[in-house]
Amino acid sequence: MPETATKVLNFVRARLGALEERCLQNRARKKLRLRETLSLGDKRFLAVVEYRRQEILLAGTSSSITVLATSHLDDRITVGDGGISKDCLQ
């Protein structure tokens, strides 16, 4: 292979490696994940979203989104002012 072609291939490999590394770093920074959704028809849904090691249960309609409950690291679900154990829901 001519020397020029080898230089071009090495340059392309280096650029692709840098791009891949940048993509992996961006992927690692994401803190928000959609865990599960349930369609309820008529543009309504339930969704479980994970954010910074918390799970959030959301209800949505065509015009609003409401937080129904959050699950914290202490394995309790907060509903309004009180809390219930996850074990009760299984």
PDB file of N, CA and C in Angstrom:
ATOM      1  N   MET A   1       0.855  -1.173   0.000  1.00  0.00           N
ATOM      2  CA  MET A   1       0.000   0.000   0.000  1.00  0.00           C
ATOM      3  C   MET A   1       0.903   1.239   0.000  1.00  0.00           C
ATOM      4  N   PRO A   2       0.605   2.194  -0.862  1.00  0.00           N
ATOM      5  CA  PRO A   2       1.426   3.413  -0.913  1.00  0.00           C
ATOM      6  C   PRO A   2       1.403   4.154   0.428  1.00  0.00           C
ATOM      7  N   GLU A   3       2.473   4.889   0.691  1.00  0.00           N
ATOM      8  CA  GLU A   3       2.615   5.605   1.958  1.00  0.00           C
ATOM      9  C   GLU A   3       1.497   6.620   2.179  1.00  0.00           C
ATOM     10  N   THR A   4       1.049   7.297   1.136  1.00  0.00           N
ATOM     11  CA  THR A   4      -0.019   8.298   1.257  1.00  0.00           C
ATOM     12  C   THR A   4      -1.326   7.644   1.698  1.00  0.00           C
ATOM     13  N   ALA A   5      -1.656   6.511   1.115  1.00  0.00           N
ATOM     14  CA  ALA A   5      -2.891   5.804   1.479  1.00  0.00           C
ATOM     15  C   ALA A   5      -2.839   5.350   2.930  1.00  0.00           C
ATOM     16  N   THR A   6      -1.684   4.888   3.375  1.00  0.00           N
ATOM     17  CA  THR A   6      -1.525   4.464   4.766  1.00  0.00           C
ATOM     18  C   THR A   6      -1.734   5.647   5.707  1.00  0.00           C
ATOM     19  N   LYS A   7      -1.189   6.797   5.371  1.00  0.00           N
ATOM     20  CA  LYS A   7      -1.361   7.996   6.191  1.00  0.00           C
ATOM     21  C   LYS A   7      -2.832   8.400   6.262  1.00  0.00           C
ATOM     22  N   VAL A   8      -3.524   8.324   5.134  1.00  0.00           N
ATOM     23  CA  VAL A   8      -4.947   8.686   5.102  1.00  0.00           C
ATOM     24  C   VAL A   8      -5.759   7.723   5.970  1.00  0.00           C
ATOM     25  N   LEU A   9      -5.500   6.415   5.852  1.00  0.00           N
ATOM     26  CA  LEU A   9      -6.220   5.429   6.666  1.00  0.00           C
ATOM     27  C   LEU A   9      -5.951   5.636   8.162  1.00  0.00           C
ATOM     28  N   ASN A  10      -4.719   5.911   8.515  1.00  0.00           N
ATOM     29  CA  ASN A  10      -4.393   6.162   9.924  1.00  0.00           C
ATOM     30  C   ASN A  10      -5.101   7.408  10.436  1.00  0.00           C
ATOM     31  N   PHE A  11      -5.181   8.433   9.603  1.00  0.00           N
ATOM     32  CA  PHE A  11      -5.873   9.663   9.983  1.00  0.00           C
ATOM     33  C   PHE A  11      -7.359   9.389  10.205  1.00  0.00           C
ATOM     34  N   VAL A  12      -7.975   8.651   9.284  1.00  0.00           N
ATOM     35  CA  VAL A  12      -9.403   8.325   9.398  1.00  0.00           C
ATOM     36  C   VAL A  12      -9.657   7.476  10.645  1.00  0.00           C
ATOM     37  N   ARG A  13      -8.795   6.501  10.896  1.00  0.00           N
ATOM     38  CA  ARG A  13      -8.949   5.661  12.094  1.00  0.00           C
ATOM     39  C   ARG A  13      -8.866   6.503  13.368  1.00  0.00           C
ATOM     40  N   ALA A  14      -7.927   7.424  13.400  1.00  0.00           N
ATOM     41  CA  ALA A  14      -7.772   8.281  14.586  1.00  0.00           C
ATOM     42  C   ALA A  14      -9.009   9.145  14.789  1.00  0.00           C
ATOM     43  N   ARG A  15      -9.530   9.710  13.708  1.00  0.00           N
ATOM     44  CA  ARG A  15     -10.730  10.541  13.821  1.00  0.00           C
ATOM     45  C   ARG A  15     -11.935   9.738  14.263  1.00  0.00           C
ATOM     46  N   LEU A  16     -12.101   8.533  13.704  1.00  0.00           N
ATOM     47  CA  LEU A  16     -13.227   7.678  14.102  1.00  0.00           C
ATOM     48  C   LEU A  16     -13.095   7.251  15.555  1.00  0.00           C
ATOM     49  N   GLY A  17     -11.875   6.974  16.004  1.00  0.00           N
ATOM     50  CA  GLY A  17     -11.662   6.616  17.397  1.00  0.00           C
ATOM     51  C   GLY A  17     -12.031   7.753  18.330  1.00  0.00           C
ATOM     52  N   ALA A  18     -11.651   8.980  17.961  1.00  0.00           N
ATOM     53  CA  ALA A  18     -11.985  10.150  18.779  1.00  0.00           C
ATOM     54  C   ALA A  18     -13.490  10.370  18.810  1.00  0.00           C
ATOM     55  N   LEU A  19     -14.152  10.181  17.684  1.00  0.00           N
ATOM     56  CA  LEU A  19     -15.607  10.347  17.609  1.00  0.00           C
ATOM     57  C   LEU A  19     -16.317   9.292  18.461  1.00  0.00           C
ATOM     58  N   GLU A  20     -15.840   8.051  18.387  1.00  0.00           N
ATOM     59  CA  GLU A  20     -16.431   6.984  19.195  1.00  0.00           C
ATOM     60  C   GLU A  20     -16.261   7.274  20.683  1.00  0.00           C
ATOM     61  N   GLU A  21     -15.098   7.747  21.080  1.00  0.00           N
ATOM     62  CA  GLU A  21     -14.860   8.071  22.488  1.00  0.00           C
ATOM     63  C   GLU A  21     -15.773   9.190  22.964  1.00  0.00           C
ATOM     64  N   ARG A  22     -15.973  10.200  22.126  1.00  0.00           N
ATOM     65  CA  ARG A  22     -16.863  11.308  22.480  1.00  0.00           C
ATOM     66  C   ARG A  22     -18.299  10.821  22.635  1.00  0.00           C
ATOM     67  N   CYS A  23     -18.737   9.941  21.745  1.00  0.00           N
ATOM     68  CA  CYS A  23     -20.099   9.394  21.834  1.00  0.00           C
ATOM     69  C   CYS A  23     -20.283   8.587  23.117  1.00  0.00           C
ATOM     70  N   LEU A  24     -19.279   7.802  23.494  1.00  0.00           N
ATOM     71  CA  LEU A  24     -19.365   7.015  24.723  1.00  0.00           C
ATOM     72  C   LEU A  24     -19.406   7.917  25.947  1.00  0.00           C
ATOM     73  N   GLN A  25     -18.658   9.009  25.928  1.00  0.00           N
ATOM     74  CA  GLN A  25     -18.687   9.948  27.043  1.00  0.00           C
ATOM     75  C   GLN A  25     -20.057  10.596  27.155  1.00  0.00           C
ATOM     76  N   ASN A  26     -20.664  10.982  26.041  1.00  0.00           N
ATOM     77  CA  ASN A  26     -21.997  11.587  26.062  1.00  0.00           C
ATOM     78  C   ASN A  26     -23.027  10.598  26.587  1.00  0.00           C
ATOM     79  N   ARG A  27     -22.899   9.353  26.223  1.00  0.00           N
ATOM     80  CA  ARG A  27     -23.835   8.339  26.680  1.00  0.00           C
ATOM     81  C   ARG A  27     -23.742   8.155  28.193  1.00  0.00           C
ATOM     82  N   ALA A  28     -22.538   8.239  28.721  1.00  0.00           N
ATOM     83  CA  ALA A  28     -22.342   8.055  30.155  1.00  0.00           C
ATOM     84  C   ALA A  28     -22.914   9.218  30.961  1.00  0.00           C
ATOM     85  N   ARG A  29     -23.038  10.388  30.386  1.00  0.00           N
ATOM     86  CA  ARG A  29     -23.535  11.562  31.093  1.00  0.00           C
ATOM     87  C   ARG A  29     -25.053  11.571  31.270  1.00  0.00           C
ATOM     88  N   LYS A  30     -25.764  10.780  30.516  1.00  0.00           N
ATOM     89  CA  LYS A  30     -27.222  10.810  30.581  1.00  0.00           C
ATOM     90  C   LYS A  30     -27.700  10.353  31.954  1.00  0.00           C
ATOM     91  N   LYS A  31     -28.562  11.153  32.550  1.00  0.00           N
ATOM     92  CA  LYS A  31     -29.087  10.840  33.862  1.00  0.00           C
ATOM     93  C   LYS A  31     -30.576  10.515  33.817  1.00  0.00           C
ATOM     94  N   LEU A  32     -31.206  10.712  32.677  1.00  0.00           N
ATOM     95  CA  LEU A  32     -32.641  10.516  32.541  1.00  0.00           C
ATOM     96  C   LEU A  32     -32.894   9.326  31.627  1.00  0.00           C
ATOM     97  N   ARG A  33     -33.708   8.364  32.121  1.00  0.00           N
ATOM     98  CA  ARG A  33     -34.022   7.186  31.321  1.00  0.00           C
ATOM     99  C   ARG A  33     -35.509   6.872  31.425  1.00  0.00           C
ATOM    100  N   LEU A  34     -36.108   6.561  30.307  1.00  0.00           N
ATOM    101  CA  LEU A  34     -37.497   6.119  30.275  1.00  0.00           C
ATOM    102  C   LEU A  34     -37.486   4.614  30.485  1.00  0.00           C
ATOM    103  N   ARG A  35     -37.993   4.155  31.625  1.00  0.00           N
ATOM    104  CA  ARG A  35     -37.959   2.735  31.959  1.00  0.00           C
ATOM    105  C   ARG A  35     -39.121   1.964  31.361  1.00  0.00           C
ATOM    106  N   GLU A  36     -40.321   2.542  31.408  1.00  0.00           N
ATOM    107  CA  GLU A  36     -41.495   1.813  30.914  1.00  0.00           C
ATOM    108  C   GLU A  36     -42.623   2.792  30.663  1.00  0.00           C
ATOM    109  N   THR A  37     -43.451   2.486  29.664  1.00  0.00           N
ATOM    110  CA  THR A  37     -44.643   3.295  29.401  1.00  0.00           C
ATOM    111  C   THR A  37     -45.839   2.367  29.236  1.00  0.00           C
ATOM    112  N   LEU A  38     -46.995   2.916  29.534  1.00  0.00           N
ATOM    113  CA  LEU A  38     -48.248   2.188  29.358  1.00  0.00           C
ATOM    114  C   LEU A  38     -49.254   3.145  28.753  1.00  0.00           C
ATOM    115  N   SER A  39     -49.739   2.830  27.567  1.00  0.00           N
ATOM    116  CA  SER A  39     -50.738   3.663  26.918  1.00  0.00           C
ATOM    117  C   SER A  39     -52.110   3.371  27.522  1.00  0.00           C
ATOM    118  N   LEU A  40     -52.838   4.427  27.824  1.00  0.00           N
ATOM    119  CA  LEU A  40     -54.183   4.285  28.384  1.00  0.00           C
ATOM    120  C   LEU A  40     -55.246   4.730  27.392  1.00  0.00           C
ATOM    121  N   GLY A  41     -54.863   4.966  26.153  1.00  0.00           N
ATOM    122  CA  GLY A  41     -55.793   5.403  25.118  1.00  0.00           C
ATOM    123  C   GLY A  41     -56.117   6.880  25.242  1.00  0.00           C
ATOM    124  N   ASP A  42     -56.754   7.434  24.242  1.00  0.00           N
ATOM    125  CA  ASP A  42     -57.157   8.843  24.225  1.00  0.00           C
ATOM    126  C   ASP A  42     -56.016   9.788  24.628  1.00  0.00           C
ATOM    127  N   LYS A  43     -54.814   9.531  24.118  1.00  0.00           N
ATOM    128  CA  LYS A  43     -53.633  10.367  24.394  1.00  0.00           C
ATOM    129  C   LYS A  43     -53.289  10.440  25.876  1.00  0.00           C
ATOM    130  N   ARG A  44     -53.521   9.338  26.607  1.00  0.00           N
ATOM    131  CA  ARG A  44     -53.174   9.261  28.024  1.00  0.00           C
ATOM    132  C   ARG A  44     -52.149   8.148  28.217  1.00  0.00           C
ATOM    133  N   PHE A  45     -51.266   8.309  29.196  1.00  0.00           N
ATOM    134  CA  PHE A  45     -50.240   7.303  29.432  1.00  0.00           C
ATOM    135  C   PHE A  45     -49.755   7.348  30.872  1.00  0.00           C
ATOM    136  N   LEU A  46     -49.127   6.257  31.269  1.00  0.00           N
ATOM    137  CA  LEU A  46     -48.355   6.186  32.500  1.00  0.00           C
ATOM    138  C   LEU A  46     -46.922   5.896  32.088  1.00  0.00           C
ATOM    139  N   ALA A  47     -45.963   6.472  32.801  1.00  0.00           N
ATOM    140  CA  ALA A  47     -44.561   6.241  32.482  1.00  0.00           C
ATOM    141  C   ALA A  47     -43.744   6.185  33.761  1.00  0.00           C
ATOM    142  N   VAL A  48     -42.741   5.317  33.745  1.00  0.00           N
ATOM    143  CA  VAL A  48     -41.769   5.269  34.831  1.00  0.00           C
ATOM    144  C   VAL A  48     -40.469   5.815  34.264  1.00  0.00           C
ATOM    145  N   VAL A  49     -39.971   6.886  34.888  1.00  0.00           N
ATOM    146  CA  VAL A  49     -38.747   7.552  34.464  1.00  0.00           C
ATOM    147  C   VAL A  49     -37.732   7.435  35.582  1.00  0.00           C
ATOM    148  N   GLU A  50     -36.491   7.110  35.234  1.00  0.00           N
ATOM    149  CA  GLU A  50     -35.425   7.076  36.226  1.00  0.00           C
ATOM    150  C   GLU A  50     -34.574   8.325  36.066  1.00  0.00           C
ATOM    151  N   TYR A  51     -34.321   9.003  37.181  1.00  0.00           N
ATOM    152  CA  TYR A  51     -33.472  10.190  37.170  1.00  0.00           C
ATOM    153  C   TYR A  51     -32.629  10.194  38.441  1.00  0.00           C
ATOM    154  N   ARG A  52     -31.334  10.145  38.272  1.00  0.00           N
ATOM    155  CA  ARG A  52     -30.392  10.169  39.402  1.00  0.00           C
ATOM    156  C   ARG A  52     -30.759   9.176  40.497  1.00  0.00           C
ATOM    157  N   ARG A  53     -30.929   7.922  40.093  1.00  0.00           N
ATOM    158  CA  ARG A  53     -31.228   6.819  41.006  1.00  0.00           C
ATOM    159  C   ARG A  53     -32.565   6.965  41.720  1.00  0.00           C
ATOM    160  N   GLN A  54     -33.478   7.698  41.134  1.00  0.00           N
ATOM    161  CA  GLN A  54     -34.858   7.770  41.615  1.00  0.00           C
ATOM    162  C   GLN A  54     -35.766   7.321  40.479  1.00  0.00           C
ATOM    163  N   GLU A  55     -36.843   6.638  40.824  1.00  0.00           N
ATOM    164  CA  GLU A  55     -37.863   6.310  39.837  1.00  0.00           C
ATOM    165  C   GLU A  55     -39.055   7.218  40.072  1.00  0.00           C
ATOM    166  N   ILE A  56     -39.595   7.747  38.987  1.00  0.00           N
ATOM    167  CA  ILE A  56     -40.712   8.683  39.065  1.00  0.00           C
ATOM    168  C   ILE A  56     -41.844   8.123  38.212  1.00  0.00           C
ATOM    169  N   LEU A  57     -43.023   7.990  38.806  1.00  0.00           N
ATOM    170  CA  LEU A  57     -44.208   7.534  38.084  1.00  0.00           C
ATOM    171  C   LEU A  57     -44.970   8.765  37.613  1.00  0.00           C
ATOM    172  N   LEU A  58     -45.128   8.887  36.291  1.00  0.00           N
ATOM    173  CA  LEU A  58     -45.797  10.035  35.690  1.00  0.00           C
ATOM    174  C   LEU A  58     -47.086   9.606  35.010  1.00  0.00           C
ATOM    175  N   ALA A  59     -48.088  10.467  35.074  1.00  0.00           N
ATOM    176  CA  ALA A  59     -49.323  10.284  34.310  1.00  0.00           C
ATOM    177  C   ALA A  59     -49.389  11.450  33.332  1.00  0.00           C
ATOM    178  N   GLY A  60     -49.725  11.157  32.096  1.00  0.00           N
ATOM    179  CA  GLY A  60     -49.779  12.218  31.102  1.00  0.00           C
ATOM    180  C   GLY A  60     -51.049  12.184  30.282  1.00  0.00           C
ATOM    181  N   THR A  61     -51.472  13.362  29.870  1.00  0.00           N
ATOM    182  CA  THR A  61     -52.593  13.514  28.943  1.00  0.00           C
ATOM    183  C   THR A  61     -52.100  14.383  27.798  1.00  0.00           C
ATOM    184  N   SER A  62     -52.990  14.729  26.910  1.00  0.00           N
ATOM    185  CA  SER A  62     -52.591  15.572  25.785  1.00  0.00           C
ATOM    186  C   SER A  62     -52.211  16.981  26.227  1.00  0.00           C
ATOM    187  N   SER A  63     -52.595  17.380  27.440  1.00  0.00           N
ATOM    188  CA  SER A  63     -52.323  18.745  27.873  1.00  0.00           C
ATOM    189  C   SER A  63     -51.554  18.876  29.189  1.00  0.00           C
ATOM    190  N   SER A  64     -51.247  17.744  29.859  1.00  0.00           N
ATOM    191  CA  SER A  64     -50.536  17.867  31.133  1.00  0.00           C
ATOM    192  C   SER A  64     -49.770  16.597  31.474  1.00  0.00           C
ATOM    193  N   ILE A  65     -48.805  16.762  32.385  1.00  0.00           N
ATOM    194  CA  ILE A  65     -48.062  15.639  32.960  1.00  0.00           C
ATOM    195  C   ILE A  65     -48.065  15.836  34.470  1.00  0.00           C
ATOM    196  N   THR A  66     -48.371  14.767  35.214  1.00  0.00           N
ATOM    197  CA  THR A  66     -48.459  14.839  36.667  1.00  0.00           C
ATOM    198  C   THR A  66     -47.557  13.783  37.286  1.00  0.00           C
ATOM    199  N   VAL A  67     -46.832  14.146  38.348  1.00  0.00           N
ATOM    200  CA  VAL A  67     -46.026  13.190  39.099  1.00  0.00           C
ATOM    201  C   VAL A  67     -46.948  12.488  40.088  1.00  0.00           C
ATOM    202  N   LEU A  68     -47.071  11.165  39.937  1.00  0.00           N
ATOM    203  CA  LEU A  68     -47.933  10.394  40.833  1.00  0.00           C
ATOM    204  C   LEU A  68     -47.179   9.884  42.049  1.00  0.00           C
ATOM    205  N   ALA A  69     -45.933   9.460  41.855  1.00  0.00           N
ATOM    206  CA  ALA A  69     -45.147   8.913  42.961  1.00  0.00           C
ATOM    207  C   ALA A  69     -43.674   8.934  42.593  1.00  0.00           C
ATOM    208  N   THR A  70     -42.825   8.914  43.627  1.00  0.00           N
ATOM    209  CA  THR A  70     -41.386   8.804  43.419  1.00  0.00           C
ATOM    210  C   THR A  70     -40.842   7.720  44.324  1.00  0.00           C
ATOM    211  N   SER A  71     -39.868   6.994  43.838  1.00  0.00           N
ATOM    212  CA  SER A  71     -39.221   5.940  44.600  1.00  0.00           C
ATOM    213  C   SER A  71     -37.799   6.395  44.907  1.00  0.00           C
ATOM    214  N   HIS A  72     -37.455   6.443  46.176  1.00  0.00           N
ATOM    215  CA  HIS A  72     -36.145   6.922  46.601  1.00  0.00           C
ATOM    216  C   HIS A  72     -35.216   5.760  46.911  1.00  0.00           C
ATOM    217  N   LEU A  73     -33.992   6.057  47.223  1.00  0.00           N
ATOM    218  CA  LEU A  73     -33.005   5.027  47.525  1.00  0.00           C
ATOM    219  C   LEU A  73     -33.357   4.207  48.757  1.00  0.00           C
ATOM    220  N   ASP A  74     -34.154   4.751  49.658  1.00  0.00           N
ATOM    221  CA  ASP A  74     -34.522   4.004  50.868  1.00  0.00           C
ATOM    222  C   ASP A  74     -35.620   2.981  50.604  1.00  0.00           C
ATOM    223  N   ASP A  75     -35.929   2.740  49.320  1.00  0.00           N
ATOM    224  CA  ASP A  75     -36.882   1.720  48.891  1.00  0.00           C
ATOM    225  C   ASP A  75     -38.303   1.999  49.369  1.00  0.00           C
ATOM    226  N   ARG A  76     -38.648   3.276  49.488  1.00  0.00           N
ATOM    227  CA  ARG A  76     -40.019   3.655  49.818  1.00  0.00           C
ATOM    228  C   ARG A  76     -40.559   4.536  48.714  1.00  0.00           C
ATOM    229  N   ILE A  77     -41.831   4.417  48.469  1.00  0.00           N
ATOM    230  CA  ILE A  77     -42.491   5.218  47.448  1.00  0.00           C
ATOM    231  C   ILE A  77     -43.240   6.338  48.143  1.00  0.00           C
ATOM    232  N   THR A  78     -42.992   7.555  47.728  1.00  0.00           N
ATOM    233  CA  THR A  78     -43.668   8.696  48.326  1.00  0.00           C
ATOM    234  C   THR A  78     -44.916   9.004  47.522  1.00  0.00           C
ATOM    235  N   VAL A  79     -46.059   8.981  48.191  1.00  0.00           N
ATOM    236  CA  VAL A  79     -47.334   9.316  47.564  1.00  0.00           C
ATOM    237  C   VAL A  79     -47.954  10.406  48.415  1.00  0.00           C
ATOM    238  N   GLY A  80     -48.023  11.602  47.880  1.00  0.00           N
ATOM    239  CA  GLY A  80     -48.536  12.718  48.681  1.00  0.00           C
ATOM    240  C   GLY A  80     -47.616  12.964  49.860  1.00  0.00           C
ATOM    241  N   ASP A  81     -48.172  13.025  51.081  1.00  0.00           N
ATOM    242  CA  ASP A  81     -47.380  13.294  52.282  1.00  0.00           C
ATOM    243  C   ASP A  81     -46.818  12.029  52.924  1.00  0.00           C
ATOM    244  N   GLY A  82     -47.426  10.888  52.676  1.00  0.00           N
ATOM    245  CA  GLY A  82     -46.992   9.657  53.326  1.00  0.00           C
ATOM    246  C   GLY A  82     -46.108   8.829  52.420  1.00  0.00           C
ATOM    247  N   GLY A  83     -45.923   7.571  52.790  1.00  0.00           N
ATOM    248  CA  GLY A  83     -45.132   6.673  51.979  1.00  0.00           C
ATOM    249  C   GLY A  83     -45.624   5.256  52.143  1.00  0.00           C
ATOM    250  N   ILE A  84     -45.439   4.443  51.134  1.00  0.00           N
ATOM    251  CA  ILE A  84     -45.775   3.030  51.225  1.00  0.00           C
ATOM    252  C   ILE A  84     -44.586   2.236  50.718  1.00  0.00           C
ATOM    253  N   SER A  85     -44.423   1.035  51.198  1.00  0.00           N
ATOM    254  CA  SER A  85     -43.323   0.181  50.787  1.00  0.00           C
ATOM    255  C   SER A  85     -43.582  -0.377  49.392  1.00  0.00           C
ATOM    256  N   LYS A  86     -42.528  -0.546  48.622  1.00  0.00           N
ATOM    257  CA  LYS A  86     -42.657  -1.181  47.298  1.00  0.00           C
ATOM    258  C   LYS A  86     -43.216  -2.583  47.413  1.00  0.00           C
ATOM    259  N   ASP A  87     -42.897  -3.274  48.510  1.00  0.00           N
ATOM    260  CA  ASP A  87     -43.350  -4.647  48.687  1.00  0.00           C
ATOM    261  C   ASP A  87     -44.875  -4.768  48.662  1.00  0.00           C
ATOM    262  N   CYS A  88     -45.568  -3.740  49.081  1.00  0.00           N
ATOM    263  CA  CYS A  88     -47.036  -3.748  49.079  1.00  0.00           C
ATOM    264  C   CYS A  88     -47.604  -3.767  47.663  1.00  0.00           C
ATOM    265  N   LEU A  89     -46.821  -3.308  46.708  1.00  0.00           N
ATOM    266  CA  LEU A  89     -47.328  -3.165  45.347  1.00  0.00           C
ATOM    267  C   LEU A  89     -47.036  -4.389  44.494  1.00  0.00           C
ATOM    268  N   GLN A  90     -46.279  -5.345  44.999  1.00  0.00           N
ATOM    269  CA  GLN A  90     -45.907  -6.510  44.189  1.00  0.00           C
ATOM    270  C   GLN A  90     -46.833  -7.667  44.411  1.00  0.00           C
TER     271      GLN A  90
END
